[in-house]
């Protein structure tokens, strides 16, 4: 029993010595197929989030351009669909910036670039749309003295 205990103790000391000398740890085993499949699914999700976020930024840019040139946002469109897409796009921009800032505070890095860099593109466009929105807000206040309502009012500029 004593020789076995001595062998285990020597082995533990030897492992600790190798760890302090900068010895490399054993390579990790290949991930299980379930984990690999989940990673592939998340790459698809990242690409979808990136594409949708980029599209939302384009809608916000068009809305901000329309607001600057006409003093009003996008028209409601048939069944209010254009206005709904506009509103959801603004919310998506806020969500992307919120996710980016949260990740930046927690890890020190922004969102991952994702496949084809789509999520990174969406993140950059979201920040750009937010800055452009602040500039358009300044112009709106300087030109008209107010910010238009989300829902047009009777007798207002935006109907």
Protein backbone atom coordinates (compact mmCIF):
# COMPACT_ATOMS: atom_id res chain seq x y z
CA UNK A 1 0.00 0.00 0.00
CA UNK A 2 2.81 2.42 0.84
CA UNK A 3 4.63 2.03 -2.50
CA UNK A 4 1.37 2.79 -4.32
CA UNK A 5 0.79 5.92 -2.23
CA UNK A 6 4.37 7.02 -2.87
CA UNK A 7 3.94 6.46 -6.62
CA UNK A 8 0.75 8.57 -6.68
CA UNK A 9 2.41 11.36 -4.69
CA UNK A 10 5.46 11.38 -6.98
CA UNK A 11 3.21 11.47 -10.02
CA UNK A 12 1.30 14.46 -8.64
CA UNK A 13 4.54 16.31 -7.84
CA UNK A 14 5.87 15.56 -11.32
CA UNK A 15 2.68 16.88 -12.93
CA UNK A 16 2.85 20.04 -10.84
CA UNK A 17 6.51 20.53 -11.78
CA UNK A 18 5.72 20.15 -15.49
CA UNK A 19 2.87 22.64 -15.20
CA UNK A 20 5.16 25.24 -13.64
CA UNK A 21 7.77 24.68 -16.36
CA UNK A 22 5.29 25.65 -19.07
CA UNK A 23 4.52 22.16 -20.29
CA UNK A 24 1.61 22.05 -22.67
CA UNK A 25 -1.63 20.52 -21.59
CA UNK A 26 -2.91 17.54 -23.50
CA UNK A 27 -4.94 18.52 -26.57
CA UNK A 28 -8.68 18.48 -26.17
CA UNK A 29 -10.66 15.69 -27.68
CA UNK A 30 -12.83 16.37 -30.71
CA UNK A 31 -16.20 17.80 -29.76
CA UNK A 32 -19.10 15.44 -29.74
CA UNK A 33 -21.20 15.51 -32.92
CA UNK A 34 -24.04 17.18 -31.04
CA UNK A 35 -21.79 20.07 -30.00
CA UNK A 36 -20.34 20.40 -33.51
CA UNK A 37 -23.84 20.44 -34.96
CA UNK A 38 -24.88 23.18 -32.50
CA UNK A 39 -21.84 25.25 -33.52
CA UNK A 40 -22.88 24.95 -37.18
CA UNK A 41 -26.41 26.00 -36.29
CA UNK A 42 -25.12 29.01 -34.40
CA UNK A 43 -23.06 30.09 -37.43
CA UNK A 44 -26.26 30.03 -39.46
CA UNK A 45 -28.00 32.01 -36.75
CA UNK A 46 -25.19 34.57 -36.69
CA UNK A 47 -25.44 34.96 -40.46
CA UNK A 48 -29.22 35.42 -40.24
CA UNK A 49 -28.90 37.97 -37.42
CA UNK A 50 -26.24 39.80 -39.40
CA UNK A 51 -28.32 39.89 -42.58
CA UNK A 52 -31.47 41.01 -40.75
CA UNK A 53 -29.54 43.61 -38.75
CA UNK A 54 -27.96 45.01 -41.92
CA UNK A 55 -31.36 45.18 -43.61
CA UNK A 56 -32.79 46.96 -40.54
CA UNK A 57 -29.97 49.50 -40.75
CA UNK A 58 -30.79 50.19 -44.39
CA UNK A 59 -34.45 50.78 -43.49
CA UNK A 60 -33.37 53.15 -40.70
CA UNK A 61 -31.07 55.04 -43.09
CA UNK A 62 -33.95 55.47 -45.57
CA UNK A 63 -36.23 56.61 -42.73
CA UNK A 64 -33.65 59.12 -41.48
CA UNK A 65 -33.09 60.45 -45.01
CA UNK A 66 -36.84 60.84 -45.48
CA UNK A 67 -37.13 62.55 -42.10
CA UNK A 68 -34.35 65.00 -42.97
CA UNK A 69 -35.68 65.85 -46.44
CA UNK A 70 -39.43 65.97 -45.72
CA UNK A 71 -39.67 66.52 -41.98
CA UNK A 72 -41.66 63.28 -41.66
CA UNK A 73 -40.76 59.62 -41.33
CA UNK A 74 -41.75 56.94 -43.79
CA UNK A 75 -45.46 56.75 -44.67
CA UNK A 76 -47.52 54.03 -43.05
CA UNK A 77 -48.00 52.19 -46.35
CA UNK A 78 -50.63 49.56 -47.08
CA UNK A 79 -52.08 48.09 -43.86
CA UNK A 80 -49.38 50.03 -41.96
CA UNK A 81 -46.70 47.57 -43.05
CA UNK A 82 -44.07 50.15 -44.03
CA UNK A 83 -44.47 51.93 -40.71
CA UNK A 84 -44.31 48.62 -38.86
CA UNK A 85 -41.08 47.63 -40.64
CA UNK A 86 -39.68 51.07 -39.83
CA UNK A 87 -40.54 50.72 -36.14
CA UNK A 88 -39.17 47.19 -35.87
CA UNK A 89 -35.98 48.31 -37.64
CA UNK A 90 -35.41 51.06 -35.08
CA UNK A 91 -35.93 48.51 -32.30
CA UNK A 92 -33.50 46.11 -33.99
CA UNK A 93 -30.86 48.85 -34.13
CA UNK A 94 -31.32 49.52 -30.41
CA UNK A 95 -31.10 45.76 -29.74
CA UNK A 96 -27.89 45.34 -31.74
CA UNK A 97 -26.25 48.29 -30.01
CA UNK A 98 -27.41 46.99 -26.63
CA UNK A 99 -26.02 43.52 -27.32
CA UNK A 100 -22.77 45.01 -28.56
CA UNK A 101 -22.32 47.25 -25.53
CA UNK A 102 -23.20 44.42 -23.15
CA UNK A 103 -20.65 42.12 -24.76
CA UNK A 104 -18.06 44.93 -24.79
CA UNK A 105 -18.50 45.52 -21.05
CA UNK A 106 -18.41 41.81 -20.19
CA UNK A 107 -15.58 40.63 -22.45
CA UNK A 108 -13.82 43.71 -23.78
CA UNK A 109 -14.72 42.89 -27.39
CA UNK A 110 -17.76 43.65 -29.49
CA UNK A 111 -19.96 41.17 -31.30
CA UNK A 112 -18.19 38.48 -33.34
CA UNK A 113 -17.85 39.14 -37.05
CA UNK A 114 -19.84 36.01 -37.87
CA UNK A 115 -19.87 34.21 -41.20
CA UNK A 116 -18.89 36.51 -44.07
CA UNK A 117 -18.59 39.32 -41.51
CA UNK A 118 -22.34 39.92 -41.60
CA UNK A 119 -22.83 40.39 -37.87
CA UNK A 120 -19.87 42.74 -37.70
CA UNK A 121 -21.34 44.67 -40.62
CA UNK A 122 -24.70 44.88 -38.86
CA UNK A 123 -23.00 46.12 -35.69
CA UNK A 124 -21.09 48.82 -37.54
CA UNK A 125 -24.14 49.92 -39.50
CA UNK A 126 -26.21 50.05 -36.31
CA UNK A 127 -23.73 52.43 -34.67
CA UNK A 128 -23.59 54.50 -37.85
CA UNK A 129 -27.40 54.66 -38.00
CA UNK A 130 -27.52 55.77 -34.37
CA UNK A 131 -25.03 58.58 -35.00
CA UNK A 132 -26.88 59.60 -38.17
CA UNK A 133 -30.11 59.59 -36.17
CA UNK A 134 -28.65 62.00 -33.64
CA UNK A 135 -27.50 64.29 -36.47
CA UNK A 136 -30.94 64.16 -38.11
CA UNK A 137 -32.53 64.85 -34.71
CA UNK A 138 -30.40 67.99 -34.44
CA UNK A 139 -31.43 69.10 -37.93
CA UNK A 140 -35.08 68.33 -37.16
CA UNK A 141 -35.00 70.49 -34.04
CA UNK A 142 -33.15 73.29 -35.87
CA UNK A 143 -35.40 73.23 -38.96
CA UNK A 144 -38.83 72.59 -37.41
CA UNK A 145 -38.39 73.10 -33.68
CA UNK A 146 -39.88 69.70 -32.80
CA UNK A 147 -39.68 65.98 -33.46
CA UNK A 148 -42.66 64.53 -35.36
CA UNK A 149 -45.01 62.14 -33.59
CA UNK A 150 -44.79 58.44 -34.29
CA UNK A 151 -48.49 58.56 -35.16
CA UNK A 152 -49.49 61.50 -37.38
CA UNK A 153 -51.90 63.95 -35.77
CA UNK A 154 -54.74 65.82 -37.44
CA UNK A 155 -53.52 69.12 -38.87
CA UNK A 156 -49.86 68.21 -38.30
CA UNK A 157 -47.03 68.32 -40.83
CA UNK A 158 -46.98 64.54 -41.24
CA UNK A 159 -50.31 63.07 -42.32
